[in-house]
Amino acid sequence: MVAVCLELSIRRPQHGDFHLTAVDGVSPSARYRSHFMNRRTRRVASLWMVALLILTNSLLSGVHASAQAETATRVLSIDGDTGDATILDGTSGEIVGQFTTGATGFTPVYASEDGRYFFINHYEGEHVTFIDSGLSTEPHGDHVDLVAESPFVRATLPLGSGAAHAWAHDGRIIIVHDVDGTIAVFDEDQLATDLAPAATFSIEPEEHAAIATIGDSLLVAYYGLGRIDVWSLDGTLEQKNLATCTGAHGEAQVSETIYFGCGEGIVGVSQDPSGAFVTETIPYPGEDGAMLEAATPAAAESPRASTLASHEDSPVFVGDYGAGLTMVDPETGTMNVLDLPAAPLAFQFASTGDQLVVLTDDGNVHGIDPGAGEIVWSVESVTPYSELQANDEEFHLYPFITVAGSFAYIPDPGTGEIVAIDTDRGEIVDRYEVGGSPARVVAIVSSGVDH
């Protein structure tokens, strides 16, 4: 093994691990033998053997001897009054970036699937702001290195009017604009060098639409028109009125099926073996617990789901339902309702999928076992939204939550803090002061090797 026949010096860092460093990068075997036999003591010879074993094992395993896997989290919060963005280190709570975005009013925030970009929709304007989180990865042999730098505003782009819902999956970021109906499609891999959308086209204007993709087709569920259309990602209308979906709002993916919250029930869209789109409707439960027939007057007057959440490792997905939540079993097409102490405002699955974290409008946060449909823990956390709502007619301070790893982050517009909760223990671990009126949050997690 020529690779291990090097003249090496051995130093002991403060943390006690051995690191191997080539002295001159040239290692003829004769000089190695000379040094070893004539100038090294028995102790040094022994250290040589240890060093060579460490290096050989490292080379054979393909992992650097000094490499350590690491995960970094950054949390972006948006001020509900000013639209200013603050980015925190999710572990320490240190503010690593603050930016003026120009956004005003209700400002939806999202994260790219690759763990690098935040994007901020200017719902009351005509722009979308992309922020590089400062976290990225670089290929390095058989692994990737984690790079952590300062975040920065990548660009603020004029894409359309009323940027609202977004869908970040399969390497794409797709943004729908409510006012002019513009759809903007981005390739995540190109954002570092090219901010031009891969495609733009227009759907129905003056609508509030929920969007999702199946393969290269875009599903568009219209709130006002009450229907689901299918578009290609190059802007061709493939199928109009695929299904009725009154008051469409909220979307989730379970395996190869997309679900939308509708007045008639939760409508699922998938493809059959021939590639044709097919739909199913899971009706809401009635007062007696029995399932309502879809598209009946009773169904239209009952509570309905307008926000959905799913996780690939959870047997159920979840929707809001009046003052509670409905746990939807896609295998049986049934729902079980869990009553909550107060109405749910926002919820998200934990990273493992075995817990749902819910913020209710009384300011409490709850950990829920979605499979069992039970509240596992509850903790008083933030200013109740019921106290803020009277002066928030435009939902500028309507809060959200984000979950990263085993921690949930909840903004408190009443105190100017981001509250961090350990979801394993159901306890508040810190309150990070950001000032102003933080209302919406989103987290990015990036993993790699830290040398």
Protein backbone atom coordinates (compact mmCIF):
# COMPACT_ATOMS: atom_id res chain seq x y z
CA MET A 1 0.00 0.00 0.00
CA VAL A 2 1.90 3.02 -1.27
CA ALA A 3 -0.70 5.26 0.29
CA VAL A 4 0.43 4.38 3.82
CA CYS A 5 4.19 4.47 3.20
CA LEU A 6 4.57 8.11 4.21
CA GLU A 7 6.84 9.88 6.65
CA LEU A 8 4.41 11.14 9.26
CA SER A 9 4.50 13.35 12.30
CA ILE A 10 2.04 12.68 15.09
CA ARG A 11 0.54 15.45 17.18
CA ARG A 12 -2.04 15.26 19.94
CA PRO A 13 -4.75 17.92 19.65
CA GLN A 14 -6.50 19.27 22.71
CA HIS A 15 -9.44 16.92 22.29
CA GLY A 16 -7.12 13.91 22.44
CA ASP A 17 -7.65 12.35 19.00
CA PHE A 18 -4.69 11.50 16.77
CA HIS A 19 -4.36 13.44 13.53
CA LEU A 20 -1.86 12.32 10.86
CA THR A 21 -0.01 14.91 8.81
CA ALA A 22 2.42 14.31 5.94
CA VAL A 23 5.73 16.12 6.50
CA ASP A 24 6.94 16.55 2.94
CA GLY A 25 4.54 14.48 0.85
CA VAL A 26 7.47 12.28 -0.40
CA SER A 27 7.99 8.87 1.16
CA PRO A 28 10.55 6.53 -0.47
CA SER A 29 10.47 3.24 1.36
CA ALA A 30 14.26 3.28 1.85
CA ARG A 31 14.20 6.56 3.72
CA TYR A 32 11.27 5.28 5.77
CA ARG A 33 13.27 2.19 6.81
CA SER A 34 16.33 4.33 7.63
CA HIS A 35 14.41 6.65 9.87
CA PHE A 36 12.56 3.81 11.49
CA MET A 37 15.63 1.68 12.26
CA ASN A 38 18.22 4.26 13.12
CA ARG A 39 16.54 7.35 14.55
CA ARG A 40 13.39 6.20 16.34
CA THR A 41 13.13 4.77 19.77
CA ARG A 42 10.99 1.75 20.60
CA ARG A 43 8.25 4.10 21.80
CA VAL A 44 8.21 5.99 18.51
CA ALA A 45 8.17 2.70 16.63
CA SER A 46 5.13 1.68 18.61
CA LEU A 47 3.44 4.99 17.84
CA TRP A 48 4.25 4.44 14.17
CA MET A 49 2.36 1.18 14.21
CA VAL A 50 -0.66 2.79 15.89
CA ALA A 51 -0.61 5.63 13.38
CA LEU A 52 -0.33 3.31 10.42
CA LEU A 53 -3.22 1.22 11.71
CA ILE A 54 -5.37 4.33 12.15
CA LEU A 55 -4.54 5.59 8.68
CA THR A 56 -4.94 2.19 7.04
CA ASN A 57 -8.33 1.62 8.69
CA SER A 58 -9.38 5.13 7.67
CA LEU A 59 -8.39 4.55 4.06
CA LEU A 60 -9.99 1.14 3.93
CA SER A 61 -13.25 2.44 5.39
CA GLY A 62 -13.26 5.50 3.15
CA VAL A 63 -13.79 7.88 6.08
CA HIS A 64 -11.36 10.52 7.23
CA ALA A 65 -9.92 9.83 10.67
CA SER A 66 -10.84 13.33 11.88
CA ALA A 67 -14.31 13.51 10.24
CA GLN A 68 -17.39 13.93 12.40
CA ALA A 69 -20.98 13.95 11.21
CA GLU A 70 -22.83 17.13 12.10
CA THR A 71 -26.28 18.60 11.64
CA ALA A 72 -26.89 22.34 11.63
CA THR A 73 -30.24 24.12 11.96
CA ARG A 74 -31.16 27.67 11.05
CA VAL A 75 -34.52 29.23 11.81
CA LEU A 76 -35.95 32.18 9.90
CA SER A 77 -38.63 34.33 11.50
CA ILE A 78 -40.62 37.10 9.83
CA ASP A 79 -41.89 40.14 11.68
CA GLY A 80 -45.64 40.41 11.21
CA ASP A 81 -45.55 44.22 11.28
CA THR A 82 -42.42 45.06 9.26
CA GLY A 83 -41.70 41.97 7.19
CA ASP A 84 -38.09 42.00 8.39
CA ALA A 85 -36.34 38.64 8.55
CA THR A 86 -34.22 37.33 11.42
CA ILE A 87 -32.20 34.12 11.13
CA LEU A 88 -31.15 32.20 14.23
CA ASP A 89 -28.80 29.34 14.86
CA GLY A 90 -31.31 26.71 15.93
CA THR A 91 -29.01 25.26 18.59
CA SER A 92 -27.57 28.32 20.29
CA GLY A 93 -30.27 30.86 19.47
CA GLU A 94 -27.58 33.24 18.21
CA ILE A 95 -28.81 35.71 15.61
CA VAL A 96 -26.72 35.04 12.50
CA GLY A 97 -28.51 37.37 10.09
CA GLN A 98 -31.10 40.15 9.94
CA PHE A 99 -32.52 41.57 6.72
CA THR A 100 -35.08 44.07 5.50
CA THR A 101 -37.15 42.32 2.85
CA GLY A 102 -39.62 45.00 1.80
CA ALA A 103 -42.50 42.62 2.47
CA THR A 104 -45.51 43.97 4.34
CA GLY A 105 -48.53 42.37 5.93
CA PHE A 106 -49.16 38.66 5.73
CA THR A 107 -45.91 37.05 4.58
CA PRO A 108 -45.79 33.27 3.97
CA VAL A 109 -42.33 31.71 4.38
CA TYR A 110 -40.99 28.43 3.06
CA ALA A 111 -37.76 26.43 2.77
CA SER A 112 -36.23 24.57 -0.13
CA GLU A 113 -36.08 20.80 0.05
CA ASP A 114 -32.28 20.73 -0.22
CA GLY A 115 -31.79 22.56 3.09
CA ARG A 116 -30.18 25.67 1.65
CA TYR A 117 -32.72 28.38 0.76
CA PHE A 118 -35.48 30.26 2.52
CA PHE A 119 -37.99 32.05 0.36
CA ILE A 120 -40.43 34.75 1.42
CA ASN A 121 -43.64 35.45 -0.47
CA HIS A 122 -44.70 39.10 -0.55
CA TYR A 123 -48.41 38.37 -0.49
CA GLU A 124 -49.34 42.04 -0.54
CA GLY A 125 -46.78 42.85 -3.26
CA GLU A 126 -45.28 41.49 -6.45
CA HIS A 127 -42.04 39.91 -5.26
CA VAL A 128 -40.47 36.82 -3.76
CA THR A 129 -37.28 37.09 -1.70
CA PHE A 130 -34.77 34.23 -1.75
CA ILE A 131 -32.34 34.02 1.18
CA ASP A 132 -29.31 31.75 1.21
CA SER A 133 -29.33 30.23 4.70
CA GLY A 134 -25.53 29.97 4.69
CA LEU A 135 -25.77 26.19 5.06
CA SER A 136 -24.67 24.05 2.15
CA THR A 137 -22.89 20.80 1.39
CA GLU A 138 -19.95 19.96 -0.84
CA PRO A 139 -19.10 16.50 -2.23
CA HIS A 140 -15.92 15.07 -0.71
CA GLY A 141 -15.08 11.53 -1.74
CA ASP A 142 -17.70 9.15 -0.42
CA HIS A 143 -19.44 11.78 1.74
CA VAL A 144 -20.45 15.42 1.77
CA ASP A 145 -18.91 18.19 3.84
CA LEU A 146 -21.12 20.59 5.76
CA VAL A 147 -20.39 24.25 5.04
CA ALA A 148 -21.75 26.86 7.46
CA GLU A 149 -21.36 30.50 6.45
CA SER A 150 -23.24 33.76 6.98
CA PRO A 151 -26.71 33.92 5.44
CA PHE A 152 -27.44 36.57 2.79
CA VAL A 153 -30.26 37.78 0.59
CA ARG A 154 -29.82 36.03 -2.74
CA ALA A 155 -32.34 38.21 -4.61
CA THR A 156 -35.80 39.73 -4.52
CA LEU A 157 -37.57 38.84 -7.75
CA PRO A 158 -40.65 40.37 -9.40
CA LEU A 159 -42.54 37.21 -10.36
CA GLY A 160 -46.21 38.09 -10.09
CA SER A 161 -48.83 39.61 -7.85
CA GLY A 162 -49.94 38.02 -4.60
CA ALA A 163 -47.40 35.22 -4.06
CA ALA A 164 -49.16 32.73 -1.80
CA HIS A 165 -48.90 28.95 -1.62
CA ALA A 166 -45.69 27.16 -2.57
CA TRP A 167 -44.67 23.57 -3.19
CA ALA A 168 -41.04 22.48 -2.66
CA HIS A 169 -40.57 18.84 -3.68
CA ASP A 170 -38.53 16.69 -6.06
CA GLY A 171 -35.90 19.38 -6.57
CA ARG A 172 -38.44 22.02 -7.60
CA ILE A 173 -39.81 25.15 -5.97
CA ILE A 174 -43.21 26.15 -7.38
CA ILE A 175 -44.93 29.37 -6.33
CA VAL A 176 -48.51 30.37 -7.17
CA HIS A 177 -49.67 34.00 -7.25
CA ASP A 178 -53.29 34.65 -6.30
CA VAL A 179 -53.88 37.97 -8.06
CA ASP A 180 -52.59 37.42 -11.61
CA GLY A 181 -52.44 33.62 -11.54
CA THR A 182 -48.72 33.40 -12.29
CA ILE A 183 -47.02 30.07 -11.65
CA ALA A 184 -43.21 30.24 -11.27
CA VAL A 185 -41.20 27.01 -11.38
CA PHE A 186 -37.60 26.92 -10.10
CA ASP A 187 -34.95 24.22 -10.26
CA GLU A 188 -33.29 24.07 -6.81
CA ASP A 189 -29.98 22.92 -8.28
CA GLN A 190 -29.75 26.08 -10.40
CA LEU A 191 -30.50 28.65 -7.71
CA ALA A 192 -26.86 29.10 -6.70
CA THR A 193 -25.96 30.35 -10.18
CA ASP A 194 -29.20 31.18 -12.00
CA LEU A 195 -32.30 32.76 -10.50
CA ALA A 196 -34.36 32.70 -13.69
CA PRO A 197 -37.43 30.45 -13.32
CA ALA A 198 -37.31 27.26 -15.35
CA ALA A 199 -40.87 28.07 -16.44
CA THR A 200 -43.62 30.62 -15.87
CA PHE A 201 -47.23 30.47 -17.01
CA SER A 202 -50.65 31.68 -15.91
CA ILE A 203 -53.58 29.79 -14.44
CA GLU A 204 -56.94 31.26 -13.35
CA PRO A 205 -56.38 34.79 -11.93
CA GLU A 206 -58.04 36.30 -8.87
CA GLU A 207 -58.06 32.95 -7.10
CA HIS A 208 -56.50 31.45 -3.99
CA ALA A 209 -55.02 28.15 -5.11
CA ALA A 210 -53.41 25.17 -3.41
CA ILE A 211 -50.81 23.38 -5.53
CA ALA A 212 -48.91 20.09 -5.59
CA THR A 213 -47.15 17.91 -8.14
CA ILE A 214 -47.44 14.32 -9.26
CA GLY A 215 -44.49 13.60 -11.50
CA ASP A 216 -44.33 16.38 -14.08
CA SER A 217 -47.95 17.41 -13.63
CA LEU A 218 -49.14 20.28 -11.44
CA LEU A 219 -52.41 19.90 -9.54
CA VAL A 220 -54.17 23.20 -8.91
CA ALA A 221 -57.08 23.30 -6.44
CA TYR A 222 -59.04 26.58 -6.56
CA TYR A 223 -60.65 27.99 -3.44
CA GLY A 224 -63.26 30.12 -5.19
CA LEU A 225 -63.90 28.03 -8.30
CA GLY A 226 -64.09 24.88 -6.20
CA ARG A 227 -62.38 22.52 -8.60
CA ILE A 228 -59.08 20.76 -9.27
CA ASP A 229 -57.29 21.22 -12.60
CA VAL A 230 -54.18 19.48 -13.94
CA TRP A 231 -51.42 21.42 -15.70
CA SER A 232 -48.14 20.37 -17.22
CA LEU A 233 -45.09 22.19 -15.87
CA ASP A 234 -44.62 23.86 -19.24
CA GLY A 235 -47.98 25.61 -18.87
CA THR A 236 -50.33 23.31 -20.81
CA LEU A 237 -53.76 22.66 -19.29
CA GLU A 238 -53.97 18.85 -19.26
CA GLN A 239 -57.33 18.35 -17.61
CA LYS A 240 -59.92 20.84 -16.42
CA ASN A 241 -62.26 20.08 -13.54
CA LEU A 242 -60.69 16.79 -12.56
CA ALA A 243 -62.70 16.87 -9.34
CA THR A 244 -64.99 19.10 -7.32
CA CYS A 245 -63.29 20.66 -4.30
CA THR A 246 -65.39 23.38 -2.71
CA GLY A 247 -63.29 25.97 -0.89
CA ALA A 248 -60.07 24.13 -1.70
CA HIS A 249 -57.33 24.84 0.83
CA GLY A 250 -54.43 22.83 2.21
CA GLU A 251 -52.50 19.99 0.63
CA ALA A 252 -50.45 16.98 1.70
CA GLN A 253 -48.67 14.09 0.02
CA VAL A 254 -49.02 10.49 1.19
CA SER A 255 -46.98 8.07 -0.89
CA GLU A 256 -48.03 8.75 -4.50
CA THR A 257 -51.32 10.46 -3.61
CA ILE A 258 -51.96 14.19 -3.13
CA TYR A 259 -54.76 15.20 -0.75
CA PHE A 260 -56.59 18.54 -0.67
CA GLY A 261 -58.88 19.91 2.02
CA CYS A 262 -62.33 20.50 0.48
CA GLY A 263 -65.86 21.25 1.67
CA GLU A 264 -67.06 17.82 0.54
CA GLY A 265 -64.30 15.99 2.37
CA ILE A 266 -60.60 15.41 1.81
CA VAL A 267 -60.04 14.69 -1.87
CA GLY A 268 -57.16 12.47 -2.94
CA VAL A 269 -55.63 12.53 -6.43
CA SER A 270 -53.40 9.78 -7.81
CA GLN A 271 -52.63 8.01 -11.07
CA ASP A 272 -53.77 4.56 -12.13
CA PRO A 273 -51.38 2.14 -13.90
CA SER A 274 -52.24 3.70 -17.26
CA GLY A 275 -51.20 7.14 -16.03
CA ALA A 276 -54.74 8.53 -15.90
CA PHE A 277 -55.62 10.71 -12.91
CA VAL A 278 -58.17 9.27 -10.51
CA THR A 279 -59.75 10.80 -7.42
CA GLU A 280 -61.32 9.66 -4.17
CA THR A 281 -63.14 11.60 -1.47
CA ILE A 282 -62.80 10.80 2.22
CA PRO A 283 -65.94 12.23 3.87
CA TYR A 284 -65.95 14.07 7.16
CA PRO A 285 -67.52 12.44 10.23
CA GLY A 286 -70.99 13.54 11.32
CA GLU A 287 -72.15 14.46 14.79
CA ASP A 288 -72.79 10.82 15.63
CA GLY A 289 -69.32 9.84 14.49
CA ALA A 290 -70.53 8.24 11.28
CA MET A 291 -68.98 9.34 8.00
CA LEU A 292 -71.02 11.85 6.01
CA GLU A 293 -71.74 11.18 2.39
CA ALA A 294 -69.61 13.47 0.22
CA ALA A 295 -71.21 16.55 -1.40
CA THR A 296 -74.28 16.60 0.86
CA PRO A 297 -75.65 19.76 2.54
CA ALA A 298 -74.68 18.30 5.92
CA ALA A 299 -71.09 17.94 4.74
CA ALA A 300 -70.98 21.51 3.46
CA GLU A 301 -72.22 22.86 6.82
CA SER A 302 -69.94 20.73 8.98
CA PRO A 303 -66.39 21.64 10.02
CA ARG A 304 -63.85 21.00 7.32
CA ALA A 305 -60.09 20.69 6.92
CA SER A 306 -58.21 23.67 5.52
CA THR A 307 -54.67 22.73 6.58
CA LEU A 308 -53.14 19.28 6.11
CA ALA A 309 -49.87 17.73 7.27
CA SER A 310 -48.30 14.37 6.49
CA HIS A 311 -45.11 12.44 7.11
CA GLU A 312 -43.75 9.47 5.19
CA ASP A 313 -43.29 7.47 8.40
CA SER A 314 -46.74 8.17 9.86
CA PRO A 315 -49.64 5.78 9.16
CA VAL A 316 -52.07 8.72 9.26
CA PHE A 317 -52.09 12.28 8.00
CA VAL A 318 -53.70 15.15 9.87
CA GLY A 319 -56.05 18.03 9.18
CA ASP A 320 -57.57 20.77 11.29
CA TYR A 321 -61.23 20.17 12.07
CA GLY A 322 -63.15 22.86 13.94
CA ALA A 323 -61.68 23.07 17.45
CA GLY A 324 -59.79 19.83 16.98
CA LEU A 325 -57.84 17.68 14.56
CA THR A 326 -58.84 14.81 12.34
CA MET A 327 -56.51 11.85 11.95
CA VAL A 328 -57.01 10.45 8.47
CA ASP A 329 -56.18 6.83 7.68
CA PRO A 330 -55.54 6.68 3.93
CA GLU A 331 -55.68 2.89 3.91
CA THR A 332 -59.23 2.69 5.25
CA GLY A 333 -60.41 6.09 4.04
CA THR A 334 -61.67 7.03 7.51
CA MET A 335 -61.13 9.83 10.01
CA ASN A 336 -60.93 9.99 13.78
CA VAL A 337 -61.43 13.37 15.44
CA LEU A 338 -59.29 14.47 18.39
CA ASP A 339 -60.76 17.28 20.46
CA LEU A 340 -58.27 19.89 21.66
CA PRO A 341 -58.48 22.33 24.56
CA ALA A 342 -58.54 25.18 22.02
CA ALA A 343 -58.64 25.61 18.25
CA PRO A 344 -55.47 24.61 16.40
CA LEU A 345 -53.56 27.41 14.66
CA ALA A 346 -50.59 25.52 13.24
CA PHE A 347 -49.16 22.00 13.39
CA GLN A 348 -46.29 20.03 11.98
CA PHE A 349 -44.93 16.51 12.26
CA ALA A 350 -41.71 15.91 14.16
CA SER A 351 -38.80 14.69 12.05
CA THR A 352 -39.39 11.04 13.01
CA GLY A 353 -43.09 11.13 12.12
CA ASP A 354 -44.21 9.64 15.44
CA GLN A 355 -45.33 12.93 16.94
CA LEU A 356 -47.38 15.93 15.83
CA VAL A 357 -46.62 19.31 17.39
CA VAL A 358 -49.63 21.65 17.59
CA LEU A 359 -50.02 25.31 18.56
CA THR A 360 -53.51 26.23 19.78
CA ASP A 361 -54.97 29.71 20.02
CA ASP A 362 -54.72 29.74 23.81
CA GLY A 363 -50.92 29.91 23.47
CA ASN A 364 -50.30 26.29 24.43
CA VAL A 365 -48.23 23.81 22.45
CA HIS A 366 -49.13 20.12 22.47
CA GLY A 367 -47.32 16.95 21.50
CA ILE A 368 -49.71 14.43 19.97
CA ASP A 369 -49.34 10.75 19.14
CA PRO A 370 -51.10 10.76 15.75
CA GLY A 371 -51.46 6.99 15.56
CA ALA A 372 -53.16 6.74 18.95
CA GLY A 373 -54.91 10.12 18.60
CA GLU A 374 -53.79 11.18 22.08
CA ILE A 375 -52.23 14.28 23.61
CA VAL A 376 -48.88 13.25 25.09
CA TRP A 377 -47.78 16.56 26.59
CA SER A 378 -48.85 20.21 26.76
CA VAL A 379 -46.94 23.34 27.73
CA GLU A 380 -47.89 27.03 28.03
CA SER A 381 -45.67 28.73 25.49
CA VAL A 382 -46.67 32.00 23.80
CA THR A 383 -49.11 34.89 23.98
CA PRO A 384 -52.57 33.53 23.10
CA TYR A 385 -53.55 34.56 19.61
CA SER A 386 -57.05 35.20 20.94
CA GLU A 387 -55.52 38.23 22.72
CA LEU A 388 -53.92 39.52 19.50
CA GLN A 389 -56.67 38.74 17.03
CA ALA A 390 -58.89 41.78 17.68
CA ASN A 391 -56.20 44.09 16.27
CA ASP A 392 -55.08 41.71 13.54
CA GLU A 393 -57.85 41.76 10.98
CA GLU A 394 -55.45 41.04 8.10
CA PHE A 395 -53.76 38.10 9.88
CA HIS A 396 -50.39 39.88 9.97
CA LEU A 397 -49.61 38.29 13.34
CA TYR A 398 -51.20 34.93 12.66
CA PRO A 399 -48.51 32.58 14.02
CA PHE A 400 -46.94 29.45 12.70
CA ILE A 401 -44.55 26.81 14.02
CA THR A 402 -41.62 24.90 12.61
CA VAL A 403 -40.03 21.66 13.75
CA ALA A 404 -36.41 20.64 13.18
CA GLY A 405 -34.94 17.50 14.67
CA SER A 406 -36.30 17.14 18.19
CA PHE A 407 -37.04 20.85 18.63
CA ALA A 408 -40.04 23.00 17.80
CA TYR A 409 -39.78 26.76 17.34
CA ILE A 410 -42.80 28.97 17.98
CA PRO A 411 -42.91 32.75 17.45
CA ASP A 412 -44.48 34.98 20.09
CA PRO A 413 -45.60 38.29 18.54
CA GLY A 414 -46.59 39.52 21.98
CA THR A 415 -43.10 39.28 23.50
CA GLY A 416 -40.73 39.43 20.51
CA GLU A 417 -39.37 35.95 21.22
CA ILE A 418 -38.92 32.62 19.49
CA VAL A 419 -39.73 29.84 21.95
CA ALA A 420 -37.73 26.62 21.60
CA ILE A 421 -39.35 23.41 22.85
CA ASP A 422 -37.73 20.00 23.28
CA THR A 423 -40.37 17.76 21.71
CA ASP A 424 -38.95 14.62 23.31
CA ARG A 425 -39.52 16.01 26.80
CA GLY A 426 -42.33 18.46 26.09
CA GLU A 427 -40.43 21.27 27.80
CA ILE A 428 -39.41 24.80 26.90
CA VAL A 429 -35.63 24.89 26.70
CA ASP A 430 -35.11 28.53 25.79
CA ARG A 431 -36.66 31.80 24.66
CA TYR A 432 -34.67 33.63 21.99
CA GLU A 433 -35.13 37.38 21.91
CA VAL A 434 -35.50 38.70 18.34
CA GLY A 435 -37.57 41.83 19.04
CA GLY A 436 -40.55 43.21 17.16
CA SER A 437 -43.51 40.95 16.39
CA PRO A 438 -42.25 37.62 15.03
CA ALA A 439 -45.18 35.77 13.49
CA ARG A 440 -44.08 33.12 11.02
CA VAL A 441 -41.11 30.79 11.16
CA VAL A 442 -39.49 28.12 9.03
CA ALA A 443 -36.43 25.97 9.72
CA ILE A 444 -33.73 24.54 7.51
CA VAL A 445 -31.63 21.54 8.51
CA SER A 446 -28.44 20.56 6.73
CA SER A 447 -26.19 17.60 7.48
CA GLY A 448 -22.66 16.67 6.48
CA VAL A 449 -19.18 15.95 7.78
CA ASP A 450 -17.37 18.60 9.80
CA HIS A 451 -13.59 18.07 9.56
